[in-house]
Each structure stands twice: as structure tokens, then as C-alpha cells.
């Protein structure tokens, strides 16, 4: 699962390079705190000393605080638009003409 985003970006790049697309939207998400990934990722972060050791979220979620004790694992998502240079230049030209 964790390599699906990388695979999606590689497929988008292939589509752009081969000329099958001028623009590709890639959207992906992951839940590191879910039942499947938490045992694997959590143990790795704990072994590195990067995961919080606090039991309660309110004690752990203290960014930029001296009392923080590591990071919280959670869910995340990303969306990106990849395009050819020509597509980008055309889009900019069209946008500039509208103002």
C-alpha cells in the first residue's frame, strides 16, 4: 500500500513522457494509524525513538513544546497535478490573457 503513490506518480510520468496525456491528476492517501499499518510502522518509529511515548493524545500533541516526546502517527493524503512543460506554458499564456 505504501508504494501506491510512488507507482501512481511513475504511471503519470509515463503517460506524460509517452504523449498519452498533457496533464495528470494523482490523488493518494494512507492511514498509518489503522489496524494494518500501525503494528509495522509504529514499531519502526518507536525503535527509532521518533514516536511519542505518551498514552493520551492531549499529552502527546504538543508541537514546538519542550514537553513533546515524539510524533503521532495518523492518516494523510495528497493530491497533485503533473503536466508537461508545454502544457504548463500554454496554461500560463491562457491565464495571462484572461486578465
N, C-alpha and C. Protein backbone atom coordinates (compact mmCIF):
# COMPACT_ATOMS: atom_id res chain seq x y z
N UNK A 1 0.80 -1.20 0.00
CA UNK A 1 0.00 0.00 0.00
C UNK A 1 0.84 1.26 0.00
N UNK A 2 1.93 1.25 0.76
CA UNK A 2 2.70 2.48 0.91
C UNK A 2 3.40 2.90 -0.38
N UNK A 3 3.53 1.98 -1.33
CA UNK A 3 4.19 2.31 -2.59
C UNK A 3 3.20 2.68 -3.69
N UNK A 4 1.92 2.71 -3.37
CA UNK A 4 0.92 3.04 -4.38
C UNK A 4 1.08 4.45 -4.91
N UNK A 5 1.42 5.40 -4.05
CA UNK A 5 1.63 6.77 -4.51
C UNK A 5 2.80 6.83 -5.47
N UNK A 6 3.90 6.17 -5.12
CA UNK A 6 5.08 6.16 -5.98
C UNK A 6 4.73 5.54 -7.33
N UNK A 7 3.98 4.45 -7.30
CA UNK A 7 3.56 3.80 -8.53
C UNK A 7 2.66 4.72 -9.36
N UNK A 8 1.75 5.43 -8.70
CA UNK A 8 0.85 6.34 -9.40
C UNK A 8 1.63 7.48 -10.05
N UNK A 9 2.62 8.01 -9.36
CA UNK A 9 3.44 9.08 -9.93
C UNK A 9 4.24 8.56 -11.13
N UNK A 10 4.78 7.36 -11.00
CA UNK A 10 5.53 6.76 -12.11
C UNK A 10 4.64 6.54 -13.32
N UNK A 11 3.41 6.09 -13.09
CA UNK A 11 2.46 5.89 -14.19
C UNK A 11 2.11 7.23 -14.84
N UNK A 12 1.92 8.26 -14.03
CA UNK A 12 1.62 9.59 -14.56
C UNK A 12 2.79 10.10 -15.39
N UNK A 13 3.99 9.91 -14.90
CA UNK A 13 5.18 10.33 -15.64
C UNK A 13 5.26 9.62 -16.98
N UNK A 14 4.98 8.32 -16.98
CA UNK A 14 4.99 7.55 -18.23
C UNK A 14 3.96 8.10 -19.21
N UNK A 15 2.77 8.43 -18.71
CA UNK A 15 1.72 8.98 -19.57
C UNK A 15 2.15 10.32 -20.17
N UNK A 16 2.83 11.14 -19.38
CA UNK A 16 3.28 12.45 -19.86
C UNK A 16 4.41 12.31 -20.88
N UNK A 17 5.38 11.47 -20.57
CA UNK A 17 6.53 11.30 -21.46
C UNK A 17 6.13 10.66 -22.78
N UNK A 18 5.22 9.70 -22.73
CA UNK A 18 4.81 9.00 -23.95
C UNK A 18 3.82 9.81 -24.80
N UNK A 19 3.34 10.93 -24.27
CA UNK A 19 2.41 11.77 -25.01
C UNK A 19 0.96 11.34 -24.91
N UNK A 20 0.66 10.39 -24.04
CA UNK A 20 -0.73 9.95 -23.86
C UNK A 20 -1.56 10.94 -23.07
N UNK A 21 -0.88 11.87 -22.39
CA UNK A 21 -1.60 12.90 -21.62
C UNK A 21 -0.74 14.15 -21.55
N UNK A 22 -1.40 15.28 -21.41
CA UNK A 22 -0.69 16.55 -21.19
C UNK A 22 -0.71 16.93 -19.71
N UNK A 23 -1.70 16.40 -19.01
CA UNK A 23 -1.87 16.73 -17.59
C UNK A 23 -2.48 15.52 -16.90
N UNK A 24 -1.98 15.20 -15.70
CA UNK A 24 -2.48 14.04 -14.94
C UNK A 24 -2.70 14.47 -13.49
N UNK A 25 -3.82 14.07 -12.92
CA UNK A 25 -4.11 14.33 -11.51
C UNK A 25 -3.83 13.03 -10.74
N UNK A 26 -3.01 13.12 -9.71
CA UNK A 26 -2.68 11.98 -8.86
C UNK A 26 -3.18 12.28 -7.46
N UNK A 27 -3.99 11.38 -6.91
CA UNK A 27 -4.53 11.54 -5.57
C UNK A 27 -4.26 10.24 -4.81
N UNK A 28 -3.77 10.35 -3.57
CA UNK A 28 -3.49 9.14 -2.78
C UNK A 28 -3.66 9.46 -1.29
N UNK A 29 -3.85 8.43 -0.52
CA UNK A 29 -3.97 8.59 0.92
C UNK A 29 -3.51 7.35 1.63
N UNK A 30 -3.25 7.49 2.90
CA UNK A 30 -2.80 6.36 3.70
C UNK A 30 -3.21 6.59 5.15
N UNK A 31 -3.40 5.52 5.87
CA UNK A 31 -3.76 5.61 7.28
C UNK A 31 -2.74 4.82 8.09
N UNK A 32 -1.69 5.51 8.51
CA UNK A 32 -0.62 4.86 9.26
C UNK A 32 -1.07 4.40 10.64
N UNK A 33 -2.18 4.93 11.13
CA UNK A 33 -2.65 4.55 12.46
C UNK A 33 -3.75 3.49 12.40
N UNK A 34 -4.00 2.93 11.23
CA UNK A 34 -5.01 1.89 11.09
C UNK A 34 -4.51 0.54 11.57
N UNK A 35 -5.41 -0.41 11.64
CA UNK A 35 -5.09 -1.75 12.14
C UNK A 35 -3.98 -2.43 11.37
N UNK A 36 -3.95 -2.22 10.07
CA UNK A 36 -2.98 -2.93 9.23
C UNK A 36 -1.58 -2.36 9.35
N UNK A 37 -1.45 -1.04 9.26
CA UNK A 37 -0.12 -0.44 9.21
C UNK A 37 0.48 -0.09 10.56
N UNK A 38 -0.34 0.20 11.56
CA UNK A 38 0.20 0.65 12.84
C UNK A 38 1.20 -0.32 13.46
N UNK A 39 0.93 -1.63 13.49
CA UNK A 39 1.93 -2.52 14.08
C UNK A 39 3.29 -2.45 13.37
N UNK A 40 3.27 -2.30 12.06
CA UNK A 40 4.52 -2.25 11.30
C UNK A 40 5.20 -0.90 11.43
N UNK A 41 4.48 0.15 11.12
CA UNK A 41 5.07 1.49 11.15
C UNK A 41 5.33 1.95 12.58
N UNK A 42 4.39 1.66 13.48
CA UNK A 42 4.54 2.08 14.87
C UNK A 42 5.78 1.50 15.51
N UNK A 43 6.04 0.22 15.29
CA UNK A 43 7.22 -0.39 15.90
C UNK A 43 8.51 0.21 15.33
N UNK A 44 8.49 0.56 14.04
CA UNK A 44 9.67 1.19 13.44
C UNK A 44 9.93 2.57 14.02
N UNK A 45 8.87 3.37 14.14
CA UNK A 45 9.03 4.71 14.71
C UNK A 45 9.43 4.64 16.18
N UNK A 46 8.87 3.67 16.91
CA UNK A 46 9.26 3.51 18.32
C UNK A 46 10.72 3.09 18.43
N UNK A 47 11.16 2.17 17.57
CA UNK A 47 12.55 1.70 17.60
C UNK A 47 13.53 2.84 17.32
N UNK A 48 13.12 3.78 16.48
CA UNK A 48 13.97 4.94 16.17
C UNK A 48 13.87 6.03 17.23
N UNK A 49 12.93 5.90 18.15
CA UNK A 49 12.71 6.92 19.16
C UNK A 49 11.96 8.13 18.63
N UNK A 50 11.27 7.94 17.50
CA UNK A 50 10.57 9.05 16.87
C UNK A 50 9.10 9.13 17.26
N UNK A 51 8.51 8.05 17.72
CA UNK A 51 7.09 8.03 18.10
C UNK A 51 6.94 8.48 19.54
N UNK A 52 5.82 9.10 19.84
CA UNK A 52 5.57 9.55 21.21
C UNK A 52 5.46 8.36 22.16
N UNK A 53 5.79 8.60 23.39
CA UNK A 53 5.66 7.57 24.42
C UNK A 53 4.47 7.86 25.34
N UNK A 54 3.75 8.94 25.06
CA UNK A 54 2.60 9.32 25.88
C UNK A 54 1.38 8.49 25.51
N UNK A 55 0.55 8.18 26.49
CA UNK A 55 -0.65 7.37 26.26
C UNK A 55 -1.83 8.21 25.78
N UNK A 56 -1.91 9.45 26.23
CA UNK A 56 -3.04 10.32 25.88
C UNK A 56 -2.62 11.31 24.79
N UNK A 57 -3.50 11.49 23.81
CA UNK A 57 -3.21 12.40 22.69
C UNK A 57 -2.94 13.82 23.19
N UNK A 58 -3.72 14.27 24.17
CA UNK A 58 -3.54 15.65 24.66
C UNK A 58 -2.17 15.85 25.33
N UNK A 59 -1.54 14.78 25.77
CA UNK A 59 -0.20 14.88 26.35
C UNK A 59 0.88 14.76 25.28
N UNK A 60 0.50 14.19 24.14
CA UNK A 60 1.48 13.96 23.08
C UNK A 60 1.48 15.03 22.00
N UNK A 61 0.32 15.59 21.73
CA UNK A 61 0.20 16.57 20.65
C UNK A 61 0.64 17.95 21.14
N UNK A 62 1.93 18.12 21.26
CA UNK A 62 2.49 19.38 21.76
C UNK A 62 3.61 19.87 20.84
N UNK A 63 3.28 20.22 19.60
CA UNK A 63 4.34 20.65 18.70
C UNK A 63 5.03 21.91 19.21
N UNK A 64 6.33 21.98 19.00
CA UNK A 64 7.15 23.11 19.39
C UNK A 64 7.16 23.36 20.90
N UNK A 65 6.83 22.34 21.68
CA UNK A 65 6.79 22.44 23.14
C UNK A 65 7.94 21.62 23.72
N UNK A 66 8.53 22.09 24.80
CA UNK A 66 9.62 21.34 25.44
C UNK A 66 9.16 19.99 25.97
N UNK A 67 7.85 19.85 26.25
CA UNK A 67 7.32 18.60 26.81
C UNK A 67 7.01 17.54 25.76
N UNK A 68 7.15 17.87 24.48
CA UNK A 68 6.81 16.88 23.45
C UNK A 68 7.77 15.69 23.55
N UNK A 69 7.26 14.53 23.14
CA UNK A 69 8.08 13.32 23.28
C UNK A 69 8.09 12.49 22.00
N UNK A 70 7.89 13.10 20.88
CA UNK A 70 7.89 12.38 19.61
C UNK A 70 6.65 12.71 18.82
N UNK A 71 6.50 12.04 17.70
CA UNK A 71 5.39 12.35 16.80
C UNK A 71 4.24 11.37 16.96
N UNK A 72 3.07 11.81 16.51
CA UNK A 72 1.88 10.96 16.48
C UNK A 72 1.71 10.44 15.06
N UNK A 73 1.45 9.16 14.93
CA UNK A 73 1.17 8.59 13.61
C UNK A 73 -0.30 8.75 13.33
N UNK A 74 -0.63 9.07 12.10
CA UNK A 74 -2.03 9.28 11.75
C UNK A 74 -2.26 9.03 10.27
N UNK A 75 -3.29 9.65 9.76
CA UNK A 75 -3.65 9.49 8.36
C UNK A 75 -3.24 10.73 7.58
N UNK A 76 -3.07 10.56 6.29
CA UNK A 76 -2.70 11.69 5.45
C UNK A 76 -3.12 11.45 4.01
N UNK A 77 -3.14 12.50 3.28
CA UNK A 77 -3.49 12.40 1.87
C UNK A 77 -2.77 13.46 1.06
N UNK A 78 -2.72 13.25 -0.23
CA UNK A 78 -2.05 14.19 -1.12
C UNK A 78 -2.76 14.19 -2.47
N UNK A 79 -2.78 15.32 -3.07
CA UNK A 79 -3.28 15.45 -4.43
C UNK A 79 -2.33 16.36 -5.20
N UNK A 80 -1.97 15.96 -6.40
CA UNK A 80 -1.06 16.78 -7.19
C UNK A 80 -1.42 16.70 -8.66
N UNK A 81 -1.10 17.76 -9.36
CA UNK A 81 -1.30 17.82 -10.80
C UNK A 81 0.07 17.83 -11.44
N UNK A 82 0.32 16.86 -12.29
CA UNK A 82 1.58 16.79 -13.03
C UNK A 82 1.26 17.10 -14.49
N UNK A 83 2.12 17.88 -15.12
CA UNK A 83 1.85 18.23 -16.51
C UNK A 83 3.16 18.42 -17.27
N UNK A 84 3.04 18.40 -18.59
CA UNK A 84 4.20 18.63 -19.43
C UNK A 84 4.57 20.10 -19.38
N UNK A 85 5.80 20.39 -19.76
CA UNK A 85 6.24 21.78 -19.77
C UNK A 85 5.41 22.59 -20.77
N UNK A 86 5.13 22.01 -21.91
CA UNK A 86 4.32 22.71 -22.92
C UNK A 86 2.93 23.02 -22.38
N UNK A 87 2.33 22.06 -21.69
CA UNK A 87 1.01 22.28 -21.10
C UNK A 87 1.05 23.41 -20.09
N UNK A 88 2.09 23.44 -19.30
CA UNK A 88 2.26 24.50 -18.29
C UNK A 88 2.38 25.86 -18.96
N UNK A 89 3.21 25.93 -19.99
CA UNK A 89 3.39 27.20 -20.70
C UNK A 89 2.10 27.66 -21.35
N UNK A 90 1.35 26.74 -21.95
CA UNK A 90 0.06 27.08 -22.57
C UNK A 90 -0.94 27.58 -21.53
N UNK A 91 -0.98 26.90 -20.40
CA UNK A 91 -1.90 27.28 -19.32
C UNK A 91 -1.56 28.68 -18.82
N UNK A 92 -0.29 28.96 -18.64
CA UNK A 92 0.12 30.29 -18.18
C UNK A 92 -0.24 31.36 -19.20
N UNK A 93 -0.03 31.06 -20.48
CA UNK A 93 -0.36 32.01 -21.53
C UNK A 93 -1.86 32.28 -21.54
N UNK A 94 -2.66 31.25 -21.42
CA UNK A 94 -4.11 31.41 -21.41
C UNK A 94 -4.58 32.17 -20.19
N UNK A 95 -3.96 31.92 -19.04
CA UNK A 95 -4.33 32.63 -17.82
C UNK A 95 -3.97 34.10 -17.92
N UNK A 96 -2.80 34.39 -18.51
CA UNK A 96 -2.35 35.77 -18.64
C UNK A 96 -3.27 36.56 -19.56
N UNK A 97 -3.84 35.90 -20.57
CA UNK A 97 -4.72 36.59 -21.50
C UNK A 97 -6.09 36.91 -20.89
N UNK A 98 -6.42 36.27 -19.80
CA UNK A 98 -7.72 36.49 -19.17
C UNK A 98 -7.74 37.68 -18.23
N UNK A 99 -6.60 38.27 -17.95
CA UNK A 99 -6.56 39.39 -17.02
C UNK A 99 -6.33 40.70 -17.72
